[in-house]
Protein backbone atom coordinates (compact mmCIF):
# COMPACT_ATOMS: atom_id res chain seq x y z
CA LEU A 1 -4.97 16.37 10.32
CA GLY A 2 -1.72 15.51 12.08
CA PHE A 3 -3.51 15.59 15.44
CA LEU A 4 -6.18 13.27 14.03
CA CYS A 5 -3.53 10.79 12.85
CA LEU A 6 -1.90 10.90 16.30
CA VAL A 7 -5.23 10.28 18.07
CA LEU A 8 -6.06 7.37 15.74
CA ALA A 9 -2.61 5.83 16.23
CA LEU A 10 -2.79 6.08 20.02
CA SER A 11 -6.36 4.79 20.20
CA ALA A 12 -5.48 1.81 18.00
CA HIS A 13 -2.27 1.11 20.01
CA VAL A 14 -0.12 1.44 16.92
CA PRO A 15 3.64 1.46 17.75
CA LEU A 16 4.60 5.04 16.90
CA GLY A 17 8.30 4.27 16.62
CA ARG A 18 7.74 1.54 14.06
CA MET A 19 5.24 3.62 12.10
CA LEU A 20 7.57 6.64 11.97
CA ALA A 21 10.52 4.44 10.96
CA MET A 22 8.50 2.98 8.08
CA GLY A 23 8.01 6.49 6.70
CA ILE A 24 11.70 7.36 6.28
CA PRO A 25 11.57 7.11 2.44
CA VAL A 26 8.53 9.38 2.44
CA TYR A 27 10.39 11.95 4.55
CA MET A 28 13.13 12.02 1.93
CA MET A 29 10.58 12.49 -0.86
CA ALA A 30 8.92 15.28 1.11
CA ALA A 31 12.29 16.96 1.66
CA LEU A 32 13.01 16.80 -2.07
CA THR A 33 9.55 18.22 -2.75
CA VAL A 34 10.25 21.18 -0.46
CA LEU A 35 13.68 21.67 -2.04
CA PHE A 36 12.42 21.71 -5.62
CA ALA A 37 9.46 23.89 -4.67
CA SER A 38 11.84 26.39 -3.08
CA ILE A 39 13.89 26.56 -6.28
CA ASN A 40 10.78 27.09 -8.40
CA ASN A 41 9.61 30.68 -8.00
CA GLN A 42 6.08 29.80 -9.15
CA VAL A 43 5.59 27.38 -6.25
CA GLY A 44 7.59 28.72 -3.34
CA PHE A 45 8.80 27.34 -0.02
CA ALA A 46 5.47 27.64 1.84
CA LEU A 47 3.49 25.70 -0.77
CA GLY A 48 6.27 23.12 -0.95
CA CYS A 49 6.04 22.59 2.82
CA PHE A 50 2.27 22.24 2.47
CA TYR A 51 2.61 19.52 -0.17
CA GLY A 52 5.38 17.77 1.76
CA VAL A 53 3.42 17.67 5.03
CA ARG A 54 0.30 16.50 3.23
CA MET A 55 2.29 13.70 1.58
CA ILE A 56 3.68 12.57 4.94
CA LEU A 57 0.29 12.63 6.67
CA LEU A 58 -1.31 10.69 3.81
CA VAL A 59 1.29 7.94 4.06
CA LEU A 60 1.14 7.83 7.87
CA GLY A 61 -2.65 7.54 7.67
CA SER A 62 -2.30 4.62 5.28
CA PHE A 63 0.18 3.01 7.70
CA ILE A 64 -2.42 3.23 10.47
CA VAL A 65 -4.94 1.41 8.28
CA VAL A 66 -2.43 -1.26 7.25
CA LEU A 67 -1.15 -1.87 10.80
CA THR A 68 -4.65 -2.20 12.27
CA THR A 69 -6.49 -4.08 9.50
CA THR A 70 -5.75 -7.49 8.03
CA SER A 71 -5.47 -7.98 4.30
CA THR A 72 -8.54 -10.22 4.39
CA ALA A 73 -10.60 -7.48 6.05
CA LEU A 74 -9.38 -4.95 3.48
CA THR A 75 -10.37 -7.29 0.65
CA ASP A 76 -13.80 -7.89 2.15
CA ALA A 77 -14.29 -4.15 2.61
CA LEU A 78 -13.39 -3.49 -1.02
CA ARG A 79 -15.77 -6.22 -2.15
CA SER A 80 -18.61 -4.70 -0.13
CA PHE A 81 -17.87 -1.23 -1.51
CA VAL A 82 -17.97 -2.31 -5.16
CA SER A 83 -20.75 -4.90 -4.75
CA PRO A 84 -23.50 -2.40 -5.76
CA LEU A 85 -21.78 -2.15 -9.14
CA ARG A 86 -22.81 -5.74 -9.90
CA VAL A 87 -26.01 -4.23 -11.28
CA LEU A 88 -23.82 -2.67 -14.00
CA HIS A 89 -22.13 -6.05 -14.63
CA VAL A 90 -18.91 -4.93 -12.94
CA PRO A 91 -16.96 -8.01 -11.68
CA ALA A 92 -16.77 -6.99 -8.01
CA ASP A 93 -15.42 -10.36 -6.85
CA ASP A 94 -12.65 -10.31 -9.45
CA ILE A 95 -11.65 -6.75 -8.49
CA ALA A 96 -11.44 -7.74 -4.83
CA MET A 97 -9.38 -10.81 -5.73
CA VAL A 98 -6.90 -8.75 -7.76
CA PHE A 99 -6.59 -6.32 -4.84
CA SER A 100 -6.00 -9.20 -2.44
CA MET A 101 -3.32 -10.75 -4.64
CA ALA A 102 -1.57 -7.39 -5.02
CA ILE A 103 -1.43 -7.02 -1.23
CA ARG A 104 -0.08 -10.54 -0.78
CA PHE A 105 2.58 -10.14 -3.47
CA ILE A 106 4.18 -7.16 -1.67
CA PRO A 107 5.61 -9.16 1.28
CA LEU A 108 6.58 -11.95 -1.11
CA MET A 109 8.62 -9.51 -3.17
CA ALA A 110 10.23 -8.12 -0.01
CA GLN A 111 11.22 -11.63 1.11
CA GLU A 112 12.58 -12.48 -2.34
CA ILE A 113 14.65 -9.28 -2.45
CA CYS A 114 16.15 -10.01 0.98
CA ALA A 115 16.95 -13.62 0.07
CA ILE A 116 18.54 -12.76 -3.29
CA HIS A 117 20.41 -9.79 -1.76
CA ASP A 118 21.89 -12.02 0.94
CA ALA A 119 22.81 -14.68 -1.62
CA GLN A 120 24.59 -12.16 -3.86
CA PHE A 121 26.29 -10.55 -0.86
CA SER A 122 27.64 -13.95 0.22
CA ARG A 123 29.09 -14.31 -3.30
CA GLY A 124 31.04 -11.05 -2.91
CA ALA A 125 28.67 -8.48 -4.39
CA SER A 126 29.63 -5.00 -3.17
CA PHE A 127 26.37 -3.27 -2.26
CA HIS A 128 27.99 -0.91 0.24
CA ARG A 129 31.56 -0.60 -1.02
CA GLY A 130 33.13 1.29 -3.88
CA GLY A 131 31.79 4.17 -5.90
CA LEU A 132 28.22 4.93 -6.81
CA TRP A 133 28.38 3.17 -10.18
CA GLN A 134 29.95 0.06 -8.63
CA ARG A 135 27.20 -0.14 -6.01
CA LEU A 136 24.48 0.38 -8.61
CA SER A 137 25.95 -2.30 -10.88
CA ALA A 138 25.58 -4.82 -8.04
CA TRP A 139 21.77 -4.58 -8.09
CA PRO A 140 20.89 -6.01 -11.58
CA PRO A 141 21.81 -9.56 -10.43
CA VAL A 142 19.23 -9.05 -7.68
CA PHE A 143 16.36 -7.67 -9.76
CA ILE A 144 16.67 -10.08 -12.70
CA PRO A 145 16.04 -13.28 -10.66
CA LEU A 146 13.45 -11.36 -8.65
CA PHE A 147 11.33 -10.61 -11.73
CA VAL A 148 11.86 -14.13 -13.11
CA GLY A 149 10.65 -15.61 -9.82
CA MET A 150 7.66 -13.27 -9.68
CA PHE A 151 6.61 -14.21 -13.23
CA ARG A 152 6.88 -17.89 -12.32
CA ARG A 153 4.69 -17.34 -9.26
CA ALA A 154 2.18 -15.40 -11.35
CA ASP A 155 2.07 -18.20 -13.94
CA LYS A 156 1.44 -20.84 -11.27
CA LEU A 157 -1.20 -18.64 -9.69
CA SER A 158 -2.99 -18.16 -13.01
CA VAL A 159 -3.09 -21.92 -13.56
CA ALA A 160 -4.47 -22.46 -10.05
CA MET A 161 -7.13 -19.77 -10.53
CA ASP A 162 -8.12 -21.21 -13.90
CA ALA A 163 -8.51 -24.64 -12.29
CA ARG A 164 -10.85 -23.09 -9.71
CA CYS A 165 -13.00 -21.48 -12.43
CA TYR A 166 -12.17 -17.87 -11.64
CA GLY A 167 -13.59 -15.47 -14.18
CA VAL A 168 -16.64 -17.55 -15.05
CA ARG A 169 -19.55 -15.30 -16.02
CA GLY A 170 -22.56 -15.40 -13.78
CA GLY A 171 -20.70 -16.95 -10.86
CA ARG A 172 -20.49 -15.32 -7.45
CA ARG A 173 -17.81 -16.03 -4.90
CA THR A 174 -18.73 -16.77 -1.32
CA SER A 175 -16.86 -15.55 1.74
CA LEU A 176 -15.93 -17.23 4.99
CA ARG A 177 -17.44 -14.32 6.93
CA ASP A 178 -20.56 -12.53 5.83
CA TYR A 179 -20.10 -8.92 6.90
CA ARG A 180 -23.20 -6.76 7.25
CA MET A 181 -23.67 -3.10 8.03
CA THR A 182 -24.57 -2.53 11.68
CA PRO A 183 -25.81 0.72 13.24
CA ALA A 184 -22.34 1.25 14.72
CA SER A 185 -20.77 0.83 11.28
CA VAL A 186 -23.19 3.33 9.78
CA ALA A 187 -22.45 5.84 12.56
CA VAL A 188 -18.68 5.47 12.11
CA SER A 189 -19.04 5.87 8.33
CA VAL A 190 -21.13 9.03 8.70
CA VAL A 191 -18.70 10.56 11.21
CA GLY A 192 -15.71 9.60 9.03
CA LEU A 193 -17.25 11.12 5.92
CA GLY A 194 -18.04 14.28 7.88
CA VAL A 195 -14.45 14.57 9.08
CA LEU A 196 -13.13 14.02 5.55
CA ALA A 197 -15.50 16.63 4.18
CA ALA A 198 -14.35 19.12 6.83
CA ILE A 199 -10.70 18.43 6.05
CA ALA A 200 -11.32 18.81 2.32
CA ALA A 201 -13.08 22.11 2.95
CA LEU A 202 -10.19 23.41 5.03
CA LEU A 203 -7.54 22.30 2.55
């Protein structure tokens, strides 16, 4: 599985250094998983390493998808996957829209955190000085305006969506690009499902 991730990253020209740097928090979580598994006699060190490596490879695989696919393409793919459920009156367009908004809110939250952090730091907040409790107590003034700003954005977004008649029964949203399954897409899907089935069988 690790070799497959490496081949996919190299074939897609994904910057390995950037991708590996993005996974630093996951490495820490994997290390803690191995540590706690080693302490627990029912799990053991070997099984802990297995879970830790699988966690890292899962996140690195998701990084490859994110770094090579736009959010619009991901939304369109999700819409096409759930579109057969329209027969069961499942709101496929609404599900895709919620997924798209969730993706777009992540960088907005990151920008807001950086802006509020810099503003509080310029006012003398000690994020990197003092004891642990002093550094932790400097973060509530960051998260409180962050959540207030996010709720304001969500309220404005709900008003805009309501003005555009989102959620109306019987309506169907159109897309700028009409994606259709080609023979190449079918071949890639079959090969991908076969690889996933083989990996699941081995694991």
